[in-house]
Structures are given as C-alpha cells and as structure tokens.
Amino acid sequence: MKLCGQKFWAFISGDDNLYTDIIEPLGHQAKKKNELFVQEYAKVVNRFTAEFIGTFCDADGNMLWEEIVKFNSAETTP
C-alpha cells in the first residue's frame, strides 16, 4: 500500500481532517522559518566574505596567499 499526503495522515491518525487542520499549516510555518534562515545565512556569508577580503586581499581584490598560508599554518600560542 502506498499512501501520500492527506490519505497518509488520515490513515495513521484516523482523522480525515488532520492534514488540513495541522499538517498543512505546519508546512506554511516551516516555509516562513526557512525564508528567515536564508536571509540570516546571507548576512553571515556577507560578513565572512567582507572579513576575508579585508584581511586576505589587496586593494585590487587579489588574494594575499602568503597571508592565508600564515593564518592557516602558523603556530598559535595558547
């Protein structure tokens, strides 16, 4: 037997209206949260990109490979 969507939720719950009463609104809430996540994620990517450019690129946008290697490979003090 293969059940999807409303038929699945009715089968497992015994409630023909479960899908429209609970499950469908949850999907809309998840979409709203996902949109917020995407916006916040973009902000973080932008901040990290700006920090990388400010630290590891010259004024022309060229990567300063020696600085990257030093940062990534240098001995750190405790």
Protein backbone atom coordinates (compact mmCIF):
# COMPACT_ATOMS: atom_id res chain seq x y z
CA MET A 1 0.00 0.00 0.00
CA LYS A 2 1.28 3.48 -0.87
CA LEU A 3 -0.28 6.48 0.81
CA CYS A 4 0.78 10.09 0.40
CA GLY A 5 -0.37 13.48 1.66
CA GLN A 6 -3.78 13.68 3.26
CA LYS A 7 -4.51 9.95 2.78
CA PHE A 8 -1.35 9.07 4.72
CA TRP A 9 -2.15 11.36 7.65
CA ALA A 10 -5.76 10.16 7.77
CA PHE A 11 -4.55 6.55 7.80
CA ILE A 12 -2.11 6.99 10.68
CA SER A 13 -4.33 9.28 12.74
CA GLY A 14 -7.85 8.14 11.96
CA ASP A 15 -8.71 11.82 11.38
CA ASP A 16 -9.66 12.78 7.82
CA ASN A 17 -9.03 16.45 8.65
CA LEU A 18 -5.60 16.13 10.32
CA TYR A 19 -3.76 17.14 7.16
CA THR A 20 -5.70 20.36 6.65
CA ASP A 21 -6.04 21.17 10.37
CA ILE A 22 -2.44 20.61 11.46
CA ILE A 23 0.00 19.36 8.83
CA GLU A 24 -0.65 21.93 6.09
CA PRO A 25 -0.32 24.95 8.46
CA LEU A 26 2.95 23.47 9.77
CA GLY A 27 4.28 23.50 6.22
CA HIS A 28 3.47 27.19 5.89
CA GLN A 29 5.23 27.94 9.20
CA ALA A 30 8.27 25.95 8.07
CA LYS A 31 8.40 27.97 4.85
CA LYS A 32 8.39 31.24 6.82
CA LYS A 33 11.20 29.99 9.08
CA ASN A 34 13.18 28.82 6.06
CA GLU A 35 12.88 32.24 4.43
CA LEU A 36 14.18 33.86 7.64
CA PHE A 37 17.05 31.33 7.76
CA VAL A 38 18.02 32.12 4.16
CA GLN A 39 18.09 35.85 4.93
CA GLU A 40 20.21 35.39 8.06
CA TYR A 41 22.51 32.94 6.28
CA ALA A 42 23.13 35.51 3.53
CA LYS A 43 24.08 38.09 6.16
CA VAL A 44 26.63 35.73 7.71
CA VAL A 45 28.12 34.87 4.31
CA ASN A 46 28.40 38.59 3.53
CA ARG A 47 30.13 39.32 6.86
CA PHE A 48 32.60 36.46 6.42
CA THR A 49 33.29 37.50 2.84
CA ALA A 50 33.92 41.10 3.89
CA GLU A 51 36.24 39.95 6.68
CA PHE A 52 38.13 37.64 4.30
CA ILE A 53 38.54 40.38 1.70
CA GLY A 54 39.65 42.89 4.33
CA THR A 55 42.21 40.52 5.76
CA PHE A 56 43.40 38.38 2.85
CA CYS A 57 43.02 40.52 -0.28
CA ASP A 58 44.84 43.58 -1.57
CA ALA A 59 43.16 46.76 -2.83
CA ASP A 60 42.75 45.24 -6.31
CA GLY A 61 40.99 42.15 -4.95
CA ASN A 62 43.96 39.79 -5.39
CA MET A 63 44.34 37.13 -2.74
CA LEU A 64 47.33 37.52 -0.46
CA TRP A 65 48.33 33.88 -0.48
CA GLU A 66 51.24 34.33 1.91
CA GLU A 67 48.87 35.85 4.49
CA ILE A 68 46.42 32.98 4.00
CA VAL A 69 49.17 30.39 4.47
CA LYS A 70 50.48 32.18 7.57
CA PHE A 71 46.99 32.34 9.06
CA ASN A 72 46.24 28.73 8.27
CA SER A 73 49.60 27.22 9.14
CA ALA A 74 51.23 29.46 11.74
CA GLU A 75 51.92 28.18 15.21
CA THR A 76 49.45 29.60 17.69
CA THR A 77 50.20 30.49 21.26
CA PRO A 78 47.98 29.03 23.98
